[in-house]
C-alpha atoms as a PDB file:
ATOM      1  CA  MET A   1       0.082  -0.285  -0.099  1.00  0.00           C
ATOM      2  CA  THR A   2       1.342   3.421  -1.004  1.00  0.00           C
ATOM      3  CA  SER A   3       1.259   6.075   1.806  1.00  0.00           C
ATOM      4  CA  LEU A   4       1.401   9.638   1.367  1.00  0.00           C
ATOM      5  CA  SER A   5       1.611  12.120   4.404  1.00  0.00           C
ATOM      6  CA  ARG A   6       1.002  16.086   4.290  1.00  0.00           C
ATOM      7  CA  ASP A   7       1.576  18.366   7.354  1.00  0.00           C
ATOM      8  CA  LEU A   8      -0.661  21.270   6.468  1.00  0.00           C
ATOM      9  CA  GLY A   9       0.259  23.140   9.631  1.00  0.00           C
ATOM     10  CA  ARG A  10      -1.879  25.509  11.560  1.00  0.00           C
ATOM     11  CA  ALA A  11      -3.771  28.247   9.801  1.00  0.00           C
ATOM     12  CA  PRO A  12      -6.967  30.463  10.703  1.00  0.00           C
ATOM     13  CA  ALA A  13     -10.279  29.331   9.514  1.00  0.00           C
ATOM     14  CA  SER A  14     -10.114  28.516   5.597  1.00  0.00           C
ATOM     15  CA  LEU A  15     -10.732  26.393   2.824  1.00  0.00           C
ATOM     16  CA  LEU A  16      -7.807  24.536   1.686  1.00  0.00           C
ATOM     17  CA  LEU A  17      -7.464  22.739  -1.583  1.00  0.00           C
ATOM     18  CA  PHE A  18      -4.875  20.752  -2.689  1.00  0.00           C
ATOM     19  CA  PRO A  19      -4.473  18.066  -5.370  1.00  0.00           C
ATOM     20  CA  ALA A  20      -5.112  14.663  -4.710  1.00  0.00           C
ATOM     21  CA  PRO A  21      -2.809  11.982  -5.916  1.00  0.00           C
ATOM     22  CA  ALA A  22      -3.502   9.944  -9.349  1.00  0.00           C
ATOM     23  CA  VAL A  23      -6.526   7.551  -8.522  1.00  0.00           C
ATOM     24  CA  THR A  24      -6.020   4.914 -11.139  1.00  0.00           C
ATOM     25  CA  ALA A  25      -8.256   2.383  -8.687  1.00  0.00           C
ATOM     26  CA  PRO A  26     -10.342   3.263  -5.669  1.00  0.00           C
ATOM     27  CA  LEU A  27      -8.391   4.684  -2.951  1.00  0.00           C
ATOM     28  CA  LEU A  28      -8.926   5.233   0.787  1.00  0.00           C
ATOM     29  CA  TRP A  29      -8.269   8.523   1.904  1.00  0.00           C
ATOM     30  CA  ARG A  30      -7.624   9.243   5.791  1.00  0.00           C
ATOM     31  CA  SER A  31      -7.179  12.689   7.032  1.00  0.00           C
ATOM     32  CA  SER A  32      -6.392  13.647  10.754  1.00  0.00           C
ATOM     33  CA  TYR A  33      -5.588  16.718  12.939  1.00  0.00           C
ATOM     34  CA  VAL A  34      -2.063  16.463  14.463  1.00  0.00           C
ATOM     35  CA  CYS A  35      -2.663  18.409  17.870  1.00  0.00           C
ATOM     36  CA  GLN A  36       0.104  19.996  19.800  1.00  0.00           C
ATOM     37  CA  PRO A  37       0.563  19.067  23.400  1.00  0.00           C
ATOM     38  CA  GLU A  38       0.252  22.776  24.262  1.00  0.00           C
ATOM     39  CA  GLU A  39      -3.081  23.138  22.673  1.00  0.00           C
ATOM     40  CA  GLU A  40      -5.727  23.479  25.410  1.00  0.00           C
ATOM     41  CA  PRO A  41      -8.688  21.240  24.927  1.00  0.00           C
ATOM     42  CA  GLY A  42     -12.091  22.751  24.145  1.00  0.00           C
ATOM     43  CA  GLY A  43     -11.098  25.857  22.656  1.00  0.00           C
ATOM     44  CA  GLY A  44     -12.111  27.348  19.534  1.00  0.00           C
ATOM     45  CA  LEU A  45     -14.480  25.697  16.722  1.00  0.00           C
ATOM     46  CA  PHE A  46     -12.951  22.948  16.465  1.00  0.00           C
ATOM     47  CA  GLY A  47     -12.527  22.340  20.215  1.00  0.00           C
ATOM     48  CA  PHE A  48     -14.154  18.769  20.213  1.00  0.00           C
ATOM     49  CA  VAL A  49     -11.008  17.726  17.746  1.00  0.00           C
ATOM     50  CA  ARG A  50      -8.455  14.996  19.985  1.00  0.00           C
ATOM     51  CA  ALA A  51      -5.263  13.562  18.554  1.00  0.00           C
ATOM     52  CA  VAL A  52      -6.714  10.258  19.613  1.00  0.00           C
ATOM     53  CA  ALA A  53     -10.358  10.796  17.235  1.00  0.00           C
ATOM     54  CA  PRO A  54     -10.039   8.610  14.295  1.00  0.00           C
ATOM     55  CA  ALA A  55      -9.245   9.702  11.126  1.00  0.00           C
ATOM     56  CA  ALA A  56     -11.802  10.582   8.711  1.00  0.00           C
ATOM     57  CA  GLU A  57     -12.187   8.722   5.876  1.00  0.00           C
ATOM     58  CA  THR A  58     -13.174   9.119   1.894  1.00  0.00           C
ATOM     59  CA  LEU A  59     -13.231   6.829  -0.778  1.00  0.00           C
ATOM     60  CA  LEU A  60     -11.978   8.298  -4.068  1.00  0.00           C
ATOM     61  CA  VAL A  61     -12.625   6.962  -6.940  1.00  0.00           C
ATOM     62  CA  LYS A  62     -11.179   7.162 -10.891  1.00  0.00           C
ATOM     63  CA  ALA A  63     -14.509   8.688 -12.386  1.00  0.00           C
ATOM     64  CA  ILE A  64     -17.200  10.783 -11.015  1.00  0.00           C
ATOM     65  CA  GLU A  65     -20.324   8.989 -10.810  1.00  0.00           C
ATOM     66  CA  PRO A  66     -23.589  10.993 -11.837  1.00  0.00           C
ATOM     67  CA  SER A  67     -24.867  11.138  -8.197  1.00  0.00           C
ATOM     68  CA  ASP A  68     -21.600  13.131  -7.381  1.00  0.00           C
ATOM     69  CA  GLN A  69     -21.734  15.793 -10.349  1.00  0.00           C
ATOM     70  CA  SER A  70     -23.172  18.471  -8.011  1.00  0.00           C
ATOM     71  CA  THR A  71     -20.334  18.148  -5.725  1.00  0.00           C
ATOM     72  CA  ALA A  72     -17.599  18.210  -8.429  1.00  0.00           C
ATOM     73  CA  ALA A  73     -19.266  21.286  -9.965  1.00  0.00           C
ATOM     74  CA  HIS A  74     -19.261  22.783  -6.218  1.00  0.00           C
ATOM     75  CA  LEU A  75     -15.675  22.122  -5.916  1.00  0.00           C
ATOM     76  CA  ASP A  76     -15.024  23.725  -9.310  1.00  0.00           C
ATOM     77  CA  TRP A  77     -16.370  26.712  -8.311  1.00  0.00           C
ATOM     78  CA  LEU A  78     -14.415  26.574  -4.945  1.00  0.00           C
ATOM     79  CA  GLY A  79     -11.305  26.202  -7.166  1.00  0.00           C
ATOM     80  CA  SER A  80     -12.150  28.919  -9.181  1.00  0.00           C
ATOM     81  CA  ALA A  81     -11.950  31.233  -6.026  1.00  0.00           C
ATOM     82  CA  CYS A  82      -7.827  30.329  -5.047  1.00  0.00           C
ATOM     83  CA  GLY A  83      -6.805  33.158  -3.513  1.00  0.00           C
ATOM     84  CA  GLU A  84      -9.882  34.740  -2.909  1.00  0.00           C
ATOM     85  CA  SER A  85     -12.916  34.593  -0.161  1.00  0.00           C
ATOM     86  CA  VAL A  86     -16.260  33.250  -0.425  1.00  0.00           C
ATOM     87  CA  ALA A  87     -18.979  33.186   1.681  1.00  0.00           C
ATOM     88  CA  VAL A  88     -19.613  30.961   4.473  1.00  0.00           C
ATOM     89  CA  THR A  89     -23.480  30.974   3.694  1.00  0.00           C
ATOM     90  CA  GLU A  90     -22.700  30.041   0.244  1.00  0.00           C
ATOM     91  CA  VAL A  91     -20.246  27.393   0.985  1.00  0.00           C
ATOM     92  CA  ALA A  92     -22.775  25.793   3.601  1.00  0.00           C
ATOM     93  CA  ASN A  93     -25.634  26.204   1.015  1.00  0.00           C
ATOM     94  CA  ARG A  94     -23.412  24.062  -1.898  1.00  0.00           C
ATOM     95  CA  PHE A  95     -22.304  21.628   0.529  1.00  0.00           C
ATOM     96  CA  ASP A  96     -25.332  20.907   2.726  1.00  0.00           C
ATOM     97  CA  LEU A  97     -23.528  22.183   5.813  1.00  0.00           C
ATOM     98  CA  GLU A  98     -26.060  24.685   7.144  1.00  0.00           C
ATOM     99  CA  ALA A  99     -27.031  22.921  10.182  1.00  0.00           C
ATOM    100  CA  LEU A 100     -23.188  22.937  11.243  1.00  0.00           C
ATOM    101  CA  ILE A 101     -23.067  26.904  10.822  1.00  0.00           C
ATOM    102  CA  SER A 102     -22.911  29.086  13.847  1.00  0.00           C
ATOM    103  CA  PRO A 103     -22.786  32.668  14.585  1.00  0.00           C
ATOM    104  CA  ASP A 104     -18.798  31.814  15.728  1.00  0.00           C
ATOM    105  CA  TRP A 105     -18.289  31.368  12.029  1.00  0.00           C
ATOM    106  CA  PRO A 106     -16.447  34.260  10.085  1.00  0.00           C
ATOM    107  CA  ASP A 107     -18.761  35.627   7.374  1.00  0.00           C
ATOM    108  CA  GLN A 108     -15.718  34.992   4.852  1.00  0.00           C
ATOM    109  CA  LEU A 109     -13.281  32.103   4.227  1.00  0.00           C
ATOM    110  CA  PRO A 110     -10.147  32.521   2.249  1.00  0.00           C
ATOM    111  CA  VAL A 111      -9.917  29.678  -0.338  1.00  0.00           C
ATOM    112  CA  LEU A 112      -6.049  28.508  -0.062  1.00  0.00           C
ATOM    113  CA  CYS A 113      -4.774  26.569  -3.178  1.00  0.00           C
ATOM    114  CA  PRO A 114      -0.637  26.138  -2.185  1.00  0.00           C
ATOM    115  CA  GLU A 115      -0.506  23.905  -5.105  1.00  0.00           C
ATOM    116  CA  PRO A 116      -1.819  24.160  -8.419  1.00  0.00           C
ATOM    117  CA  LEU A 117      -5.227  22.109  -9.133  1.00  0.00           C
ATOM    118  CA  PRO A 118      -5.362  20.030 -12.278  1.00  0.00           C
ATOM    119  CA  ALA A 119      -8.121  20.699 -14.636  1.00  0.00           C
ATOM    120  CA  ARG A 120     -10.836  18.332 -15.115  1.00  0.00           C
END
């Protein structure tokens, strides 16, 4: 099994887009937080995150399924906003995350793309 590790470091609230490895067969992608020992538990928007929490798992596939078309379009929209900011309400609406947004969230989130995104 091939392993790829990427440490994205700390950053304020933002949307970070980076290219996934080339997918030639279904691939299980795991992502997790690396909590620093000096970080106080319970603070901030993601205070529920702990280093012992299980990694988030996503199945990456080679081709977009018809049911994935709208998500792919929303990701393209985010990709077109690299280096700019987008409204949190628009992101929440497009990705059906309205129930997760609280008054603690900023109105705008910067879209960060540290590497060029591949054209689709």
